[in-house]
Structure formats: structure tokens, C-alpha cells
PDB file of N, CA and C in Angstrom:
ATOM      1  N   MET A   1       9.495  -5.936   3.380  1.00  0.00           N
ATOM      2  CA  MET A   1       8.873  -6.815   4.334  1.00  0.00           C
ATOM      3  C   MET A   1       8.623  -6.068   5.648  1.00  0.00           C
ATOM      4  N   ILE A   2       9.573  -5.265   6.049  1.00  0.00           N
ATOM      5  CA  ILE A   2       9.425  -4.491   7.282  1.00  0.00           C
ATOM      6  C   ILE A   2       8.288  -3.487   7.142  1.00  0.00           C
ATOM      7  N   VAL A   3       8.194  -2.836   5.986  1.00  0.00           N
ATOM      8  CA  VAL A   3       7.118  -1.877   5.747  1.00  0.00           C
ATOM      9  C   VAL A   3       5.758  -2.582   5.809  1.00  0.00           C
ATOM     10  N   GLY A   4       5.689  -3.785   5.253  1.00  0.00           N
ATOM     11  CA  GLY A   4       4.447  -4.550   5.295  1.00  0.00           C
ATOM     12  C   GLY A   4       4.029  -4.903   6.701  1.00  0.00           C
ATOM     13  N   VAL A   5       4.982  -5.304   7.527  1.00  0.00           N
ATOM     14  CA  VAL A   5       4.670  -5.650   8.917  1.00  0.00           C
ATOM     15  C   VAL A   5       4.190  -4.412   9.678  1.00  0.00           C
ATOM     16  N   ILE A   6       4.860  -3.284   9.467  1.00  0.00           N
ATOM     17  CA  ILE A   6       4.457  -2.055  10.142  1.00  0.00           C
ATOM     18  C   ILE A   6       3.062  -1.632   9.683  1.00  0.00           C
ATOM     19  N   LEU A   7       2.820  -1.682   8.381  1.00  0.00           N
ATOM     20  CA  LEU A   7       1.519  -1.309   7.844  1.00  0.00           C
ATOM     21  C   LEU A   7       0.425  -2.241   8.360  1.00  0.00           C
ATOM     22  N   PHE A   8       0.714  -3.532   8.423  1.00  0.00           N
ATOM     23  CA  PHE A   8      -0.256  -4.500   8.933  1.00  0.00           C
ATOM     24  C   PHE A   8      -0.579  -4.225  10.400  1.00  0.00           C
ATOM     25  N   THR A   9       0.438  -3.910  11.183  1.00  0.00           N
ATOM     26  CA  THR A   9       0.223  -3.610  12.597  1.00  0.00           C
ATOM     27  C   THR A   9      -0.621  -2.354  12.765  1.00  0.00           C
ATOM     28  N   LEU A  10      -0.346  -1.341  11.966  1.00  0.00           N
ATOM     29  CA  LEU A  10      -1.110  -0.103  12.063  1.00  0.00           C
ATOM     30  C   LEU A  10      -2.563  -0.288  11.643  1.00  0.00           C
ATOM     31  N   THR A  11      -2.800  -1.039  10.577  1.00  0.00           N
ATOM     32  CA  THR A  11      -4.180  -1.236  10.114  1.00  0.00           C
ATOM     33  C   THR A  11      -4.946  -2.176  11.031  1.00  0.00           C
ATOM     34  N   ALA A  12      -4.274  -3.125  11.638  1.00  0.00           N
ATOM     35  CA  ALA A  12      -4.960  -4.068  12.525  1.00  0.00           C
ATOM     36  C   ALA A  12      -5.368  -3.401  13.831  1.00  0.00           C
ATOM     37  N   ASN A  13      -4.618  -2.412  14.280  1.00  0.00           N
ATOM     38  CA  ASN A  13      -4.908  -1.751  15.555  1.00  0.00           C
ATOM     39  C   ASN A  13      -5.540  -0.386  15.382  1.00  0.00           C
ATOM     40  N   SER A  14      -6.096  -0.111  14.245  1.00  0.00           N
ATOM     41  CA  SER A  14      -6.634   1.232  13.973  1.00  0.00           C
ATOM     42  C   SER A  14      -8.036   1.386  14.565  1.00  0.00           C
ATOM     43  N   GLY A  15      -8.113   1.387  15.879  1.00  0.00           N
ATOM     44  CA  GLY A  15      -9.366   1.663  16.542  1.00  0.00           C
ATOM     45  C   GLY A  15     -10.354   0.518  16.574  1.00  0.00           C
ATOM     46  N   ARG A  16      -9.938  -0.658  16.207  1.00  0.00           N
ATOM     47  CA  ARG A  16     -10.859  -1.789  16.235  1.00  0.00           C
ATOM     48  C   ARG A  16     -11.008  -2.307  17.657  1.00  0.00           C
ATOM     49  N   ARG A  17     -12.228  -2.497  18.025  1.00  0.00           N
ATOM     50  CA  ARG A  17     -12.505  -3.096  19.317  1.00  0.00           C
ATOM     51  C   ARG A  17     -12.922  -4.538  19.085  1.00  0.00           C
ATOM     52  N   GLY A  18     -13.050  -5.273  20.165  1.00  0.00           N
ATOM     53  CA  GLY A  18     -13.482  -6.650  20.066  1.00  0.00           C
ATOM     54  C   GLY A  18     -14.928  -6.757  19.624  1.00  0.00           C
ATOM     55  N   ILE A  19     -15.362  -7.963  19.364  1.00  0.00           N
ATOM     56  CA  ILE A  19     -16.728  -8.205  18.933  1.00  0.00           C
ATOM     57  C   ILE A  19     -17.589  -8.413  20.177  1.00  0.00           C
ATOM     58  N   SER A  20     -18.711  -7.754  20.196  1.00  0.00           N
ATOM     59  CA  SER A  20     -19.617  -7.811  21.340  1.00  0.00           C
ATOM     60  C   SER A  20     -20.922  -8.492  20.935  1.00  0.00           C
ATOM     61  N   HIS A  21     -21.615  -9.033  21.891  1.00  0.00           N
ATOM     62  CA  HIS A  21     -22.902  -9.672  21.619  1.00  0.00           C
ATOM     63  C   HIS A  21     -23.981  -8.645  21.272  1.00  0.00           C
ATOM     64  N   LYS A  22     -23.708  -7.378  21.495  1.00  0.00           N
ATOM     65  CA  LYS A  22     -24.668  -6.312  21.202  1.00  0.00           C
ATOM     66  C   LYS A  22     -24.602  -5.843  19.752  1.00  0.00           C
ATOM     67  N   MET A  23     -23.600  -6.291  19.004  1.00  0.00           N
ATOM     68  CA  MET A  23     -23.410  -5.842  17.627  1.00  0.00           C
ATOM     69  C   MET A  23     -24.330  -6.600  16.680  1.00  0.00           C
ATOM     70  N   SER A  24     -24.651  -5.940  15.591  1.00  0.00           N
ATOM     71  CA  SER A  24     -25.444  -6.603  14.553  1.00  0.00           C
ATOM     72  C   SER A  24     -24.533  -7.509  13.733  1.00  0.00           C
ATOM     73  N   ASP A  25     -25.147  -8.398  12.966  1.00  0.00           N
ATOM     74  CA  ASP A  25     -24.376  -9.309  12.122  1.00  0.00           C
ATOM     75  C   ASP A  25     -23.561  -8.549  11.080  1.00  0.00           C
ATOM     76  N   LYS A  26     -24.146  -7.487  10.531  1.00  0.00           N
ATOM     77  CA  LYS A  26     -23.437  -6.699   9.523  1.00  0.00           C
ATOM     78  C   LYS A  26     -22.195  -6.046  10.101  1.00  0.00           C
ATOM     79  N   GLU A  27     -22.290  -5.546  11.332  1.00  0.00           N
ATOM     80  CA  GLU A  27     -21.144  -4.915  11.983  1.00  0.00           C
ATOM     81  C   GLU A  27     -20.038  -5.940  12.243  1.00  0.00           C
ATOM     82  N   ILE A  28     -20.407  -7.128  12.669  1.00  0.00           N
ATOM     83  CA  ILE A  28     -19.419  -8.186  12.918  1.00  0.00           C
ATOM     84  C   ILE A  28     -18.725  -8.576  11.625  1.00  0.00           C
ATOM     85  N   ILE A  29     -19.485  -8.745  10.547  1.00  0.00           N
ATOM     86  CA  ILE A  29     -18.900  -9.101   9.243  1.00  0.00           C
ATOM     87  C   ILE A  29     -17.958  -8.000   8.772  1.00  0.00           C
ATOM     88  N   ARG A  30     -18.373  -6.733   8.939  1.00  0.00           N
ATOM     89  CA  ARG A  30     -17.535  -5.614   8.505  1.00  0.00           C
ATOM     90  C   ARG A  30     -16.215  -5.591   9.264  1.00  0.00           C
ATOM     91  N   ARG A  31     -16.266  -5.870  10.561  1.00  0.00           N
ATOM     92  CA  ARG A  31     -15.037  -5.866  11.358  1.00  0.00           C
ATOM     93  C   ARG A  31     -14.128  -7.039  11.038  1.00  0.00           C
ATOM     94  N   MET A  32     -14.705  -8.162  10.649  1.00  0.00           N
ATOM     95  CA  MET A  32     -13.888  -9.346  10.361  1.00  0.00           C
ATOM     96  C   MET A  32     -13.223  -9.262   8.997  1.00  0.00           C
ATOM     97  N   GLN A  33     -13.834  -8.520   8.082  1.00  0.00           N
ATOM     98  CA  GLN A  33     -13.250  -8.382   6.755  1.00  0.00           C
ATOM     99  C   GLN A  33     -12.162  -7.325   6.796  1.00  0.00           C
ATOM    100  N   GLY A  34     -11.008  -7.640   6.225  1.00  0.00           N
ATOM    101  CA  GLY A  34      -9.908  -6.686   6.206  1.00  0.00           C
ATOM    102  C   GLY A  34     -10.125  -5.620   5.148  1.00  0.00           C
ATOM    103  N   GLY A  35      -9.584  -4.453   5.382  1.00  0.00           N
ATOM    104  CA  GLY A  35      -9.679  -3.366   4.420  1.00  0.00           C
ATOM    105  C   GLY A  35      -8.527  -3.421   3.434  1.00  0.00           C
ATOM    106  N   TRP A  36      -8.432  -2.378   2.618  1.00  0.00           N
ATOM    107  CA  TRP A  36      -7.369  -2.317   1.610  1.00  0.00           C
ATOM    108  C   TRP A  36      -5.989  -2.261   2.243  1.00  0.00           C
ATOM    109  N   GLY A  37      -5.868  -1.532   3.356  1.00  0.00           N
ATOM    110  CA  GLY A  37      -4.567  -1.411   4.002  1.00  0.00           C
ATOM    111  C   GLY A  37      -4.040  -2.754   4.477  1.00  0.00           C
ATOM    112  N   GLU A  38      -4.927  -3.571   5.007  1.00  0.00           N
ATOM    113  CA  GLU A  38      -4.509  -4.893   5.473  1.00  0.00           C
ATOM    114  C   GLU A  38      -4.106  -5.793   4.307  1.00  0.00           C
ATOM    115  N   MET A  39      -4.845  -5.699   3.198  1.00  0.00           N
ATOM    116  CA  MET A  39      -4.517  -6.516   2.037  1.00  0.00           C
ATOM    117  C   MET A  39      -3.172  -6.093   1.434  1.00  0.00           C
ATOM    118  N   ILE A  40      -2.937  -4.801   1.338  1.00  0.00           N
ATOM    119  CA  ILE A  40      -1.663  -4.303   0.807  1.00  0.00           C
ATOM    120  C   ILE A  40      -0.509  -4.732   1.704  1.00  0.00           C
ATOM    121  N   ALA A  41      -0.730  -4.672   3.010  1.00  0.00           N
ATOM    122  CA  ALA A  41       0.316  -5.091   3.944  1.00  0.00           C
ATOM    123  C   ALA A  41       0.649  -6.564   3.756  1.00  0.00           C
ATOM    124  N   ARG A  42      -0.356  -7.404   3.597  1.00  0.00           N
ATOM    125  CA  ARG A  42      -0.109  -8.837   3.386  1.00  0.00           C
ATOM    126  C   ARG A  42       0.630  -9.096   2.080  1.00  0.00           C
ATOM    127  N   ILE A  43       0.292  -8.342   1.046  1.00  0.00           N
ATOM    128  CA  ILE A  43       0.986  -8.497  -0.239  1.00  0.00           C
ATOM    129  C   ILE A  43       2.447  -8.081  -0.100  1.00  0.00           C
ATOM    130  N   LEU A  44       2.718  -6.983   0.606  1.00  0.00           N
ATOM    131  CA  LEU A  44       4.096  -6.530   0.806  1.00  0.00           C
ATOM    132  C   LEU A  44       4.904  -7.564   1.596  1.00  0.00           C
ATOM    133  N   ILE A  45       4.292  -8.143   2.621  1.00  0.00           N
ATOM    134  CA  ILE A  45       4.986  -9.162   3.408  1.00  0.00           C
ATOM    135  C   ILE A  45       5.285 -10.376   2.535  1.00  0.00           C
ATOM    136  N   PHE A  46       4.315 -10.803   1.729  1.00  0.00           N
ATOM    137  CA  PHE A  46       4.513 -11.951   0.849  1.00  0.00           C
ATOM    138  C   PHE A  46       5.612 -11.679  -0.177  1.00  0.00           C
ATOM    139  N   LEU A  47       5.573 -10.506  -0.801  1.00  0.00           N
ATOM    140  CA  LEU A  47       6.596 -10.179  -1.799  1.00  0.00           C
ATOM    141  C   LEU A  47       7.985 -10.084  -1.168  1.00  0.00           C
ATOM    142  N   GLY A  48       8.070  -9.514   0.037  1.00  0.00           N
ATOM    143  CA  GLY A  48       9.355  -9.439   0.727  1.00  0.00           C
ATOM    144  C   GLY A  48       9.911 -10.821   1.024  1.00  0.00           C
ATOM    145  N   GLY A  49       9.048 -11.712   1.488  1.00  0.00           N
ATOM    146  CA  GLY A  49       9.476 -13.088   1.751  1.00  0.00           C
ATOM    147  C   GLY A  49       9.902 -13.799   0.473  1.00  0.00           C
ATOM    148  N   ALA A  50       9.173 -13.552  -0.617  1.00  0.00           N
ATOM    149  CA  ALA A  50       9.524 -14.175  -1.897  1.00  0.00           C
ATOM    150  C   ALA A  50      10.877 -13.678  -2.397  1.00  0.00           C
ATOM    151  N   VAL A  51      11.146 -12.397  -2.250  1.00  0.00           N
ATOM    152  CA  VAL A  51      12.437 -11.842  -2.674  1.00  0.00           C
ATOM    153  C   VAL A  51      13.576 -12.442  -1.854  1.00  0.00           C
ATOM    154  N   ILE A  52      13.371 -12.570  -0.550  1.00  0.00           N
ATOM    155  CA  ILE A  52      14.396 -13.172   0.306  1.00  0.00           C
ATOM    156  C   ILE A  52      14.638 -14.623  -0.092  1.00  0.00           C
ATOM    157  N   LEU A  53      13.570 -15.377  -0.331  1.00  0.00           N
ATOM    158  CA  LEU A  53      13.705 -16.783  -0.719  1.00  0.00           C
ATOM    159  C   LEU A  53      14.430 -16.927  -2.054  1.00  0.00           C
ATOM    160  N   VAL A  54      14.066 -16.117  -3.035  1.00  0.00           N
ATOM    161  CA  VAL A  54      14.742 -16.160  -4.342  1.00  0.00           C
ATOM    162  C   VAL A  54      16.212 -15.793  -4.191  1.00  0.00           C
ATOM    163  N   SER A  55      16.525 -14.827  -3.356  1.00  0.00           N
ATOM    164  CA  SER A  55      17.909 -14.427  -3.136  1.00  0.00           C
ATOM    165  C   SER A  55      18.727 -15.573  -2.534  1.00  0.00           C
ATOM    166  N   ILE A  56      18.165 -16.262  -1.571  1.00  0.00           N
ATOM    167  CA  ILE A  56      18.867 -17.397  -0.948  1.00  0.00           C
ATOM    168  C   ILE A  56      19.086 -18.504  -1.959  1.00  0.00           C
ATOM    169  N   ILE A  57      18.053 -18.830  -2.729  1.00  0.00           N
ATOM    170  CA  ILE A  57      18.186 -19.888  -3.742  1.00  0.00           C
ATOM    171  C   ILE A  57      19.216 -19.493  -4.791  1.00  0.00           C
ATOM    172  N   TRP A  58      19.212 -18.230  -5.213  1.00  0.00           N
ATOM    173  CA  TRP A  58      20.173 -17.764  -6.211  1.00  0.00           C
ATOM    174  C   TRP A  58      21.604 -17.893  -5.699  1.00  0.00           C
ATOM    175  N   ARG A  59      21.834 -17.561  -4.444  1.00  0.00           N
ATOM    176  CA  ARG A  59      23.175 -17.679  -3.871  1.00  0.00           C
ATOM    177  C   ARG A  59      23.623 -19.146  -3.800  1.00  0.00           C
ATOM    178  N   ILE A  60      22.714 -20.026  -3.437  1.00  0.00           N
ATOM    179  CA  ILE A  60      23.039 -21.455  -3.383  1.00  0.00           C
ATOM    180  C   ILE A  60      23.385 -21.969  -4.776  1.00  0.00           C
ATOM    181  N   VAL A  61      22.616 -21.575  -5.771  1.00  0.00           N
ATOM    182  CA  VAL A  61      22.887 -21.992  -7.148  1.00  0.00           C
ATOM    183  C   VAL A  61      24.233 -21.464  -7.610  1.00  0.00           C
ATOM    184  N   ARG A  62      24.570 -20.236  -7.294  1.00  0.00           N
ATOM    185  CA  ARG A  62      25.872 -19.684  -7.681  1.00  0.00           C
ATOM    186  C   ARG A  62      27.023 -20.418  -7.010  1.00  0.00           C
ATOM    187  N   ILE A  63      26.846 -20.789  -5.736  1.00  0.00           N
ATOM    188  CA  ILE A  63      27.896 -21.532  -5.025  1.00  0.00           C
ATOM    189  C   ILE A  63      28.081 -22.908  -5.652  1.00  0.00           C
ATOM    190  N   ILE A  64      26.979 -23.586  -5.938  1.00  0.00           N
ATOM    191  CA  ILE A  64      27.060 -24.926  -6.547  1.00  0.00           C
ATOM    192  C   ILE A  64      27.670 -24.847  -7.944  1.00  0.00           C
ATOM    193  N   ALA A  65      27.299 -23.820  -8.719  1.00  0.00           N
ATOM    194  CA  ALA A  65      27.811 -23.683 -10.078  1.00  0.00           C
ATOM    195  C   ALA A  65      29.290 -23.326 -10.114  1.00  0.00           C
ATOM    196  N   SER A  66      29.817 -22.749  -9.053  1.00  0.00           N
ATOM    197  CA  SER A  66      31.227 -22.352  -9.067  1.00  0.00           C
ATOM    198  C   SER A  66      32.158 -23.525  -8.838  1.00  0.00           C
ATOM    199  N   TYR A  67      31.639 -24.666  -8.401  1.00  0.00           N
ATOM    200  CA  TYR A  67      32.496 -25.841  -8.182  1.00  0.00           C
ATOM    201  C   TYR A  67      32.743 -26.572  -9.421  1.00  0.00           C
TER     202      TYR A  67
END
């Protein structure tokens, strides 16, 4: 999850500037669409969160089952 957050931060700030009224529509669309690095970062963050959630649920189930 930490790697995903770091990767997302790096890809989001990789030289992107704001959108200007002087840009063409194609340039604006290209800047708004995320690249592969951003997608991989989001997947890593999601998987990290899912692993943490499953771990918490598993611990709760083990505690309940031990009674």
C-alpha cells in the first residue's frame, strides 16, 4: 500500500502542469487520462487495502471462534 501511494504521488507530479485555455482539446484529454503508472499505483493501493481488510476480518473470526 505504501509503495502504491509513493508511485501514485510520483506519477501524478511527473511534470504535469495545470490545464490552460490555450491548450487543444486533445492535449487536455491526454492530461486528464492517467497513464500506466497511475493505474498500477491505484491497483497496488486497492490490493493493499484489501489485504489489510481481510487480515482484520480473519483476526476477528479467529477471536470469535476461540470462544
